[in-house]
Amino acid sequence: MHENNPHSGSYDMTALSQALPELAPHIITGPKGQLTLDFSNPLAIKALNKAILKKDYKIDFWDLPDGYLCPPIPGRVDYLYYLNDLLPHSNDRNAHVLDIGTGSNLIYPMLGSRVFNWRFVASDIDNIAINCAKQLAKANKGLEKQIKVRHQPDDSKIFANIIGKDEYFDITLCNPPFHASQEDAAAGSERKNRNLLRNKDKRGSSIKTDNKKDHLNFSGQSSELWCEGGELAFIKKMINQSASFKEQVGVFTCLVSKKENMVAITAALKSRDVASFKFVEMSQGNKISRFVAWTFDADWPLK
């Protein structure tokens, strides 16, 4: 993880359950005597998120509708810390940031507002997600002034309809749809759920689970999980459309899940004559992830 990420160690379940008592029933004892969770239980994951947000980020209310993406907070915070490294020192405490596909969880704008005091515009194509995001911003002190939530009415557009004529954003971020079809997304969800259940069995968890009623702990709607052509098609579209907003954005960024897509993304960036670009690798435990950053501003080199 990023050296400044406060979640690089194990979770302090005692402190978290003190911050949010509803987490306590989900805490179990691991094989080494440590306090942990059944990470295949979606209710446990949601309670963990609520506790982290309340204890560490002063987010007193956070919830999301059934079936919508429940994000792992340490990885989301990691992305934000690496984005902060890309900002000029003079901008890093008052940056204007665009979150593309914010989802019903509004996680990046809430964390970015609390940690860095950034101002956000959060966009999404899903009306339910938009309404939930607006409620989260309104329900937590200070966030409604920091975060503006905007609906994208055209799913073929990414920046148009969202970036106003006279607006400027220091940086954009995005967690794009990963899968190429609904079938791929369902298969991927099933694999991850099986792995979680298998790992739980190895830990000897005392919590029994009805597999027929199990849901993937982070769930997700179709627009959050898949689009035609998958993540590569989405990122290529983003790169192509970014050229029309090169005077209104300092640095564009997007998460890249598949390492094999880096070659095609590099070709797409070179075809648009960007001033500079870079891939930034992030590590959370055994998982390696990355994002791509690019700019059309020759005075803002990405090294």
Protein backbone atom coordinates (compact mmCIF):
# COMPACT_ATOMS: atom_id res chain seq x y z
CA MET A 1 0.00 0.00 0.00
CA HIS A 2 0.90 3.66 -0.26
CA GLU A 3 3.21 4.64 2.60
CA ASN A 4 0.61 7.09 3.93
CA ASN A 5 -2.33 4.71 3.77
CA PRO A 6 -3.53 4.26 7.38
CA HIS A 7 -5.05 0.85 6.56
CA SER A 8 -1.81 -1.00 5.80
CA GLY A 9 -2.05 -3.08 8.97
CA SER A 10 -4.74 -5.44 10.24
CA TYR A 11 -8.14 -4.14 11.34
CA ASP A 12 -8.48 -3.16 14.99
CA MET A 13 -11.78 -4.95 15.49
CA THR A 14 -12.09 -3.86 19.12
CA ALA A 15 -11.79 -0.16 18.29
CA LEU A 16 -14.03 -0.51 15.26
CA SER A 17 -16.78 -2.28 17.20
CA GLN A 18 -16.57 0.42 19.87
CA ALA A 19 -17.13 3.02 17.16
CA LEU A 20 -19.99 0.99 15.67
CA PRO A 21 -21.54 -1.59 18.04
CA GLU A 22 -23.47 -3.24 15.20
CA LEU A 23 -20.14 -4.64 13.95
CA ALA A 24 -19.62 -6.70 17.13
CA PRO A 25 -21.96 -9.63 16.24
CA HIS A 26 -19.98 -10.21 13.04
CA ILE A 27 -16.58 -10.51 14.73
CA ILE A 28 -15.17 -14.03 15.03
CA THR A 29 -11.95 -15.55 16.34
CA GLY A 30 -9.44 -16.65 13.71
CA PRO A 31 -7.19 -19.73 13.85
CA LYS A 32 -4.37 -17.75 15.50
CA GLY A 33 -6.67 -16.23 18.10
CA GLN A 34 -7.00 -12.93 16.25
CA LEU A 35 -10.29 -11.07 15.94
CA THR A 36 -11.53 -11.10 12.36
CA LEU A 37 -14.69 -11.30 10.22
CA ASP A 38 -16.41 -13.79 7.97
CA PHE A 39 -15.49 -11.94 4.78
CA SER A 40 -17.97 -13.99 2.75
CA ASN A 41 -20.85 -12.39 4.68
CA PRO A 42 -22.11 -9.23 2.92
CA LEU A 43 -23.68 -7.91 6.13
CA ALA A 44 -20.33 -8.19 7.90
CA ILE A 45 -18.55 -6.33 5.09
CA LYS A 46 -21.12 -3.53 5.12
CA ALA A 47 -20.85 -3.21 8.90
CA LEU A 48 -17.04 -3.12 8.62
CA ASN A 49 -17.24 -0.30 6.11
CA LYS A 50 -19.64 1.66 8.29
CA ALA A 51 -17.32 1.24 11.27
CA ILE A 52 -14.20 2.35 9.35
CA LEU A 53 -15.99 5.35 7.89
CA LYS A 54 -17.31 6.41 11.28
CA LYS A 55 -14.13 5.81 13.27
CA ASP A 56 -11.52 7.09 10.81
CA TYR A 57 -13.37 9.55 8.56
CA LYS A 58 -16.21 11.01 10.65
CA ILE A 59 -18.83 9.63 8.29
CA ASP A 60 -21.75 9.09 10.68
CA PHE A 61 -24.20 7.78 8.07
CA TRP A 62 -23.37 5.39 5.25
CA ASP A 63 -25.56 2.81 3.58
CA LEU A 64 -26.31 1.48 0.12
CA PRO A 65 -29.20 -0.35 -1.54
CA ASP A 66 -29.21 -4.14 -1.77
CA GLY A 67 -27.29 -5.36 -4.80
CA TYR A 68 -25.10 -2.29 -5.21
CA LEU A 69 -21.31 -2.31 -5.03
CA CYS A 70 -19.84 -2.39 -1.51
CA PRO A 71 -16.26 -1.16 -1.93
CA PRO A 72 -13.18 -2.28 0.05
CA ILE A 73 -12.11 0.94 1.74
CA PRO A 74 -8.32 0.31 2.07
CA GLY A 75 -7.94 -0.07 -1.70
CA ARG A 76 -10.08 2.99 -2.40
CA VAL A 77 -8.01 5.08 0.00
CA ASP A 78 -4.84 3.82 -1.69
CA TYR A 79 -5.96 5.16 -5.09
CA LEU A 80 -6.60 8.58 -3.53
CA TYR A 81 -3.17 8.78 -1.90
CA TYR A 82 -1.48 7.95 -5.20
CA LEU A 83 -3.60 10.57 -6.96
CA ASN A 84 -2.48 13.10 -4.40
CA ASP A 85 1.13 12.35 -5.38
CA LEU A 86 0.33 13.50 -8.93
CA LEU A 87 -0.94 16.91 -7.87
CA PRO A 88 1.35 19.95 -7.71
CA HIS A 89 2.07 20.82 -4.10
CA SER A 90 0.23 24.15 -4.46
CA ASN A 91 -2.98 22.37 -5.51
CA ASP A 92 -3.10 19.33 -3.29
CA ARG A 93 -5.25 20.82 -0.51
CA ASN A 94 -7.91 22.47 -2.66
CA ALA A 95 -8.08 20.26 -5.73
CA HIS A 96 -11.24 20.01 -7.81
CA VAL A 97 -11.81 16.33 -8.64
CA LEU A 98 -14.22 14.47 -10.94
CA ASP A 99 -15.31 10.95 -9.93
CA ILE A 100 -16.70 9.10 -12.96
CA GLY A 101 -19.18 6.37 -11.99
CA THR A 102 -19.39 7.23 -8.31
CA GLY A 103 -22.02 4.57 -7.58
CA SER A 104 -24.50 4.56 -4.73
CA ASN A 105 -21.63 4.32 -2.20
CA LEU A 106 -20.05 7.72 -3.05
CA ILE A 107 -16.89 6.34 -1.50
CA TYR A 108 -14.16 8.29 -3.34
CA PRO A 109 -15.73 11.74 -2.87
CA MET A 110 -16.44 11.10 0.82
CA LEU A 111 -12.92 9.85 1.53
CA GLY A 112 -11.23 12.48 -0.65
CA SER A 113 -13.20 15.28 1.01
CA ARG A 114 -12.33 14.10 4.50
CA VAL A 115 -8.66 13.20 3.93
CA PHE A 116 -7.55 15.94 1.51
CA ASN A 117 -10.35 18.51 1.66
CA TRP A 118 -10.83 18.09 -2.09
CA ARG A 119 -13.97 19.37 -3.81
CA PHE A 120 -15.76 16.80 -5.95
CA VAL A 121 -18.20 16.38 -8.77
CA ALA A 122 -19.53 12.81 -8.68
CA SER A 123 -21.26 11.43 -11.79
CA ASP A 124 -23.20 8.27 -12.62
CA ILE A 125 -25.66 6.95 -15.21
CA ASP A 126 -27.81 5.09 -12.66
CA ASN A 127 -30.67 7.15 -11.18
CA ILE A 128 -30.87 5.07 -8.00
CA ALA A 129 -27.13 5.47 -7.44
CA ILE A 130 -27.44 9.23 -8.00
CA ASN A 131 -30.25 9.57 -5.46
CA CYS A 132 -28.38 7.51 -2.87
CA ALA A 133 -25.17 9.49 -3.41
CA LYS A 134 -27.04 12.76 -2.92
CA GLN A 135 -28.53 11.45 0.33
CA LEU A 136 -25.08 10.44 1.62
CA ALA A 137 -23.63 13.86 0.85
CA LYS A 138 -26.57 15.57 2.54
CA ALA A 139 -26.59 13.32 5.62
CA ASN A 140 -22.95 13.88 6.62
CA LYS A 141 -21.80 17.19 8.02
CA GLY A 142 -19.85 19.32 5.58
CA LEU A 143 -20.04 16.98 2.60
CA GLU A 144 -22.91 18.65 0.77
CA LYS A 145 -20.71 21.72 0.30
CA GLN A 146 -17.77 19.60 -0.85
CA ILE A 147 -19.58 17.21 -3.20
CA LYS A 148 -21.88 17.88 -6.15
CA VAL A 149 -23.64 14.83 -7.61
CA ARG A 150 -24.61 14.88 -11.31
CA HIS A 151 -26.56 12.44 -13.45
CA GLN A 152 -25.10 11.38 -16.80
CA PRO A 153 -28.14 10.96 -19.08
CA ASP A 154 -26.19 9.50 -22.02
CA ASP A 155 -24.27 6.28 -21.37
CA SER A 156 -22.19 6.86 -24.51
CA LYS A 157 -20.69 10.00 -22.94
CA ILE A 158 -18.19 10.23 -20.11
CA PHE A 159 -17.22 13.89 -19.73
CA ALA A 160 -19.86 15.64 -21.84
CA ASN A 161 -23.00 16.63 -19.88
CA ILE A 162 -20.93 16.54 -16.68
CA ILE A 163 -18.09 19.04 -17.11
CA GLY A 164 -19.54 22.53 -17.41
CA LYS A 165 -18.37 25.03 -20.00
CA ASP A 166 -16.28 27.08 -17.57
CA GLU A 167 -15.26 24.30 -15.18
CA TYR A 168 -11.75 23.04 -14.56
CA PHE A 169 -10.76 19.82 -12.77
CA ASP A 170 -7.28 19.17 -11.45
CA ILE A 171 -7.75 15.43 -11.76
CA THR A 172 -10.34 12.78 -12.64
CA LEU A 173 -10.69 9.25 -11.29
CA CYS A 174 -12.67 6.20 -12.32
CA ASN A 175 -13.24 2.58 -11.33
CA PRO A 176 -14.47 1.30 -14.72
CA PRO A 177 -16.73 -1.68 -15.45
CA PHE A 178 -14.41 -4.68 -15.47
CA HIS A 179 -16.30 -7.36 -17.39
CA ALA A 180 -17.33 -7.54 -21.06
CA SER A 181 -20.79 -9.03 -20.49
CA GLN A 182 -23.35 -9.79 -17.81
CA GLU A 183 -22.45 -13.49 -18.09
CA ASP A 184 -18.76 -12.75 -17.47
CA ALA A 185 -19.66 -10.61 -14.45
CA ALA A 186 -21.85 -13.36 -12.98
CA ALA A 187 -19.14 -15.99 -13.52
CA GLY A 188 -16.52 -13.76 -11.93
CA SER A 189 -18.76 -13.09 -8.93
CA GLU A 190 -19.34 -16.81 -8.44
CA ARG A 191 -15.59 -17.54 -8.55
CA LYS A 192 -14.82 -14.87 -5.97
CA ASN A 193 -17.60 -16.06 -3.72
CA ARG A 194 -16.36 -19.66 -3.92
CA ASN A 195 -12.84 -18.50 -3.03
CA LEU A 196 -14.13 -16.56 -0.05
CA LEU A 197 -16.11 -19.55 1.19
CA ARG A 198 -13.14 -21.87 0.62
CA ASN A 199 -10.87 -19.56 2.60
CA LYS A 200 -13.44 -19.36 5.35
CA ASP A 201 -13.51 -23.16 5.59
CA LYS A 202 -9.70 -23.21 5.86
CA ARG A 203 -9.85 -20.70 8.72
CA GLY A 204 -12.32 -22.93 10.52
CA SER A 205 -14.96 -20.22 10.89
CA SER A 206 -17.74 -21.11 13.29
CA ILE A 207 -20.29 -19.13 11.30
CA LYS A 208 -22.52 -21.31 9.17
CA THR A 209 -23.56 -20.08 5.76
CA ASP A 210 -26.51 -21.07 3.59
CA ASN A 211 -24.94 -21.10 0.13
CA LYS A 212 -28.32 -20.68 -1.52
CA LYS A 213 -28.73 -17.37 0.24
CA ASP A 214 -25.15 -16.17 -0.12
CA HIS A 215 -24.44 -13.05 -2.14
CA LEU A 216 -21.08 -11.74 -3.23
CA ASN A 217 -19.87 -9.58 -0.40
CA PHE A 218 -19.28 -6.57 -2.65
CA SER A 219 -22.19 -7.26 -5.09
CA GLY A 220 -22.70 -4.70 -7.89
CA GLN A 221 -25.20 -3.55 -10.51
CA SER A 222 -24.70 -4.20 -14.22
CA SER A 223 -23.40 -0.68 -14.91
CA GLU A 224 -20.86 -1.11 -12.10
CA LEU A 225 -19.59 -4.50 -13.27
CA TRP A 226 -19.71 -4.75 -17.06
CA CYS A 227 -19.97 -2.90 -20.36
CA GLU A 228 -19.66 -4.03 -23.96
CA GLY A 229 -16.00 -4.69 -24.65
CA GLY A 230 -15.11 -4.65 -20.95
CA GLU A 231 -12.64 -2.38 -19.24
CA LEU A 232 -10.40 -1.96 -22.30
CA ALA A 233 -13.22 -0.64 -24.48
CA PHE A 234 -14.31 1.71 -21.69
CA ILE A 235 -10.82 3.10 -21.12
CA LYS A 236 -10.25 3.57 -24.86
CA LYS A 237 -13.50 5.51 -25.05
CA MET A 238 -12.41 7.60 -22.10
CA ILE A 239 -9.07 8.38 -23.74
CA ASN A 240 -10.73 9.37 -27.01
CA GLN A 241 -13.28 11.61 -25.30
CA SER A 242 -10.69 13.15 -22.98
CA ALA A 243 -9.10 14.93 -25.95
CA SER A 244 -12.16 17.17 -26.19
CA PHE A 245 -11.67 18.30 -22.57
CA LYS A 246 -7.89 18.65 -22.50
CA GLU A 247 -8.14 22.35 -21.59
CA GLN A 248 -10.48 21.64 -18.68
CA VAL A 249 -8.69 18.76 -16.94
CA GLY A 250 -5.16 18.63 -15.60
CA VAL A 251 -4.73 14.85 -15.29
CA PHE A 252 -7.10 12.06 -16.34
CA THR A 253 -6.84 8.74 -14.50
CA CYS A 254 -8.57 5.36 -14.54
CA LEU A 255 -8.06 2.05 -12.75
CA VAL A 256 -6.78 -0.83 -14.91
CA SER A 257 -7.54 -4.30 -13.57
CA LYS A 258 -5.99 -6.39 -16.33
CA LYS A 259 -2.24 -6.01 -16.80
CA GLU A 260 -2.52 -7.36 -20.36
CA ASN A 261 -4.56 -4.28 -21.33
CA MET A 262 -1.62 -1.94 -20.74
CA VAL A 263 -0.19 -2.39 -24.24
CA ALA A 264 -3.45 -1.44 -25.97
CA ILE A 265 -4.01 1.46 -23.57
CA THR A 266 -0.51 2.75 -24.31
CA ALA A 267 -1.24 2.64 -28.05
CA ALA A 268 -4.50 4.52 -27.54
CA LEU A 269 -2.76 7.23 -25.54
CA LYS A 270 -0.01 7.66 -28.15
CA SER A 271 -2.63 7.94 -30.90
CA ARG A 272 -4.11 10.92 -29.07
CA ASP A 273 -0.74 12.68 -28.71
CA VAL A 274 -0.96 13.12 -24.96
CA ALA A 275 1.85 15.16 -23.45
CA SER A 276 2.76 12.40 -20.98
CA PHE A 277 1.31 9.35 -19.28
CA LYS A 278 2.23 6.73 -16.70
CA PHE A 279 0.96 3.54 -15.09
CA VAL A 280 1.03 3.52 -11.30
CA GLU A 281 1.11 0.14 -9.57
CA MET A 282 -0.62 -0.39 -6.24
CA SER A 283 -0.42 -3.39 -3.92
CA GLN A 284 -2.94 -4.50 -1.31
CA GLY A 285 -1.79 -7.73 0.30
CA ASN A 286 -1.40 -10.33 -2.44
CA LYS A 287 -3.43 -8.26 -4.89
CA ILE A 288 -1.66 -6.05 -7.43
CA SER A 289 -3.69 -3.31 -9.09
CA ARG A 290 -2.82 -0.22 -11.09
CA PHE A 291 -4.16 2.92 -12.68
CA VAL A 292 -3.23 4.86 -15.78
CA ALA A 293 -2.76 8.63 -15.71
CA TRP A 294 -2.40 10.95 -18.71
CA THR A 295 -2.29 14.65 -19.42
CA PHE A 296 -2.33 16.94 -22.45
CA ASP A 297 -0.58 19.66 -20.43
CA ALA A 298 3.14 19.80 -21.27
CA ASP A 299 3.71 21.87 -18.10
CA TRP A 300 2.38 19.01 -15.95
CA PRO A 301 4.73 16.09 -16.74
CA LEU A 302 3.86 12.71 -15.33
CA LYS A 303 7.08 11.02 -14.18
